[in-house]
C-alpha atoms as a PDB file:
ATOM      1  CA  MET A   1      77.277  59.840 237.290  1.00  0.00           C
ATOM      2  CA  VAL A   2      80.621  61.407 238.573  1.00  0.00           C
ATOM      3  CA  ASN A   3      80.634  64.015 241.522  1.00  0.00           C
ATOM      4  CA  LYS A   4      80.887  67.036 239.233  1.00  0.00           C
ATOM      5  CA  THR A   5      83.286  68.458 242.794  1.00  0.00           C
ATOM      6  CA  LYS A   6      85.761  66.013 242.000  1.00  0.00           C
ATOM      7  CA  GLU A   7      88.620  66.139 239.338  1.00  0.00           C
ATOM      8  CA  VAL A   8      88.689  63.122 237.250  1.00  0.00           C
ATOM      9  CA  ILE A   9      92.301  62.357 236.000  1.00  0.00           C
ATOM     10  CA  PHE A  10      92.222  59.445 232.857  1.00  0.00           C
ATOM     11  CA  TYR A  11      95.583  58.262 233.047  1.00  0.00           C
ATOM     12  CA  HIS A  12      96.839  56.061 229.458  1.00  0.00           C
ATOM     13  CA  ALA A  13      99.245  55.680 227.429  1.00  0.00           C
ATOM     14  CA  GLY A  14      98.026  56.017 223.705  1.00  0.00           C
ATOM     15  CA  CYS A  15      97.578  52.797 222.938  1.00  0.00           C
ATOM     16  CA  PRO A  16      94.393  51.412 221.008  1.00  0.00           C
ATOM     17  CA  VAL A  17      92.897  49.990 224.311  1.00  0.00           C
ATOM     18  CA  CYS A  18      93.725  53.762 225.922  1.00  0.00           C
ATOM     19  CA  ILE A  19      92.143  55.168 223.173  1.00  0.00           C
ATOM     20  CA  SER A  20      89.041  53.203 222.837  1.00  0.00           C
ATOM     21  CA  ALA A  21      88.711  53.511 226.843  1.00  0.00           C
ATOM     22  CA  GLU A  22      88.983  57.252 226.465  1.00  0.00           C
ATOM     23  CA  ASN A  23      86.094  56.803 224.170  1.00  0.00           C
ATOM     24  CA  SER A  24      83.620  54.896 225.552  1.00  0.00           C
ATOM     25  CA  VAL A  25      84.141  55.830 228.738  1.00  0.00           C
ATOM     26  CA  LEU A  26      84.644  59.587 229.025  1.00  0.00           C
ATOM     27  CA  SER A  27      81.513  59.829 227.514  1.00  0.00           C
ATOM     28  CA  LEU A  28      79.919  58.507 230.155  1.00  0.00           C
ATOM     29  CA  ILE A  29      80.993  61.628 232.676  1.00  0.00           C
ATOM     30  CA  ASP A  30      79.209  64.168 233.127  1.00  0.00           C
ATOM     31  CA  PRO A  31      80.625  67.569 231.075  1.00  0.00           C
ATOM     32  CA  ALA A  32      79.970  69.854 233.960  1.00  0.00           C
ATOM     33  CA  THR A  33      82.941  67.471 235.221  1.00  0.00           C
ATOM     34  CA  LYS A  34      86.641  68.885 235.392  1.00  0.00           C
ATOM     35  CA  VAL A  35      88.875  65.836 233.014  1.00  0.00           C
ATOM     36  CA  ARG A  36      92.176  65.897 233.264  1.00  0.00           C
ATOM     37  CA  ILE A  37      93.296  63.742 230.718  1.00  0.00           C
ATOM     38  CA  VAL A  38      97.181  62.721 231.117  1.00  0.00           C
ATOM     39  CA  HIS A  39      99.334  60.816 228.547  1.00  0.00           C
ATOM     40  CA  LEU A  40     102.302  58.802 230.083  1.00  0.00           C
ATOM     41  CA  GLY A  41     104.170  57.668 227.015  1.00  0.00           C
ATOM     42  CA  GLN A  42     104.568  61.552 226.924  1.00  0.00           C
ATOM     43  CA  GLU A  43     104.325  62.749 230.169  1.00  0.00           C
ATOM     44  CA  LYS A  44     106.729  59.756 232.253  1.00  0.00           C
ATOM     45  CA  GLU A  45     107.661  62.820 234.633  1.00  0.00           C
ATOM     46  CA  LYS A  46     103.319  61.858 235.818  1.00  0.00           C
ATOM     47  CA  ILE A  47     103.970  58.362 236.458  1.00  0.00           C
ATOM     48  CA  ALA A  48     104.375  58.494 239.767  1.00  0.00           C
ATOM     49  CA  ASP A  49     101.570  60.752 240.296  1.00  0.00           C
ATOM     50  CA  ALA A  50      99.552  57.605 239.174  1.00  0.00           C
ATOM     51  CA  GLU A  51     101.211  55.597 241.355  1.00  0.00           C
ATOM     52  CA  LYS A  52     100.570  57.747 244.364  1.00  0.00           C
ATOM     53  CA  ALA A  53      96.911  57.284 243.498  1.00  0.00           C
ATOM     54  CA  GLY A  54      97.053  53.680 243.155  1.00  0.00           C
ATOM     55  CA  VAL A  55      97.028  53.541 239.436  1.00  0.00           C
ATOM     56  CA  LYS A  56      98.932  50.116 238.403  1.00  0.00           C
ATOM     57  CA  SER A  57      97.848  49.852 234.248  1.00  0.00           C
ATOM     58  CA  VAL A  58      96.702  51.899 232.247  1.00  0.00           C
ATOM     59  CA  PRO A  59      93.670  52.965 231.115  1.00  0.00           C
ATOM     60  CA  ALA A  60      92.848  53.818 234.261  1.00  0.00           C
ATOM     61  CA  LEU A  61      90.438  56.450 235.998  1.00  0.00           C
ATOM     62  CA  VAL A  62      90.805  58.189 238.985  1.00  0.00           C
ATOM     63  CA  PHE A  63      88.391  60.033 241.202  1.00  0.00           C
ATOM     64  CA  GLY A  64      88.762  61.030 244.546  1.00  0.00           C
ATOM     65  CA  ASP A  65      90.303  57.963 246.399  1.00  0.00           C
ATOM     66  CA  GLU A  66      88.772  55.574 244.078  1.00  0.00           C
ATOM     67  CA  VAL A  67      90.774  54.104 240.852  1.00  0.00           C
ATOM     68  CA  LEU A  68      89.087  52.363 237.949  1.00  0.00           C
ATOM     69  CA  HIS A  69      91.872  50.065 235.943  1.00  0.00           C
ATOM     70  CA  ILE A  70      89.175  50.088 233.152  1.00  0.00           C
ATOM     71  CA  ASN A  71      91.033  47.289 230.980  1.00  0.00           C
ATOM     72  CA  PHE A  72      94.666  46.181 231.365  1.00  0.00           C
ATOM     73  CA  GLY A  73      96.549  48.038 228.155  1.00  0.00           C
ATOM     74  CA  ALA A  74      99.885  48.413 229.899  1.00  0.00           C
ATOM     75  CA  SER A  75     101.326  48.551 233.393  1.00  0.00           C
ATOM     76  CA  LEU A  76     103.457  51.396 234.922  1.00  0.00           C
ATOM     77  CA  ASN A  77     106.081  49.558 235.230  1.00  0.00           C
ATOM     78  CA  ASP A  78     105.984  48.854 231.111  1.00  0.00           C
ATOM     79  CA  LEU A  79     106.172  52.601 230.843  1.00  0.00           C
ATOM     80  CA  LYS A  80     109.278  53.775 232.845  1.00  0.00           C
END
């Protein structure tokens, strides 16, 4: 389980790969954990935040200093 004291951010672009990952992966996280979902296709201003966190492609799950690239849906460069 993901540490409850840290915020988890799920970055995605709304593609079928991202939606599938959201449904699958987020169900594994403790419900008490705060999860912020960021749709980079709709919130392009958040791409810089994702890059600073180490995200290279979406879907990606960020918890603390760790980035889990779940599957390759789109690179951040494709979203710019």
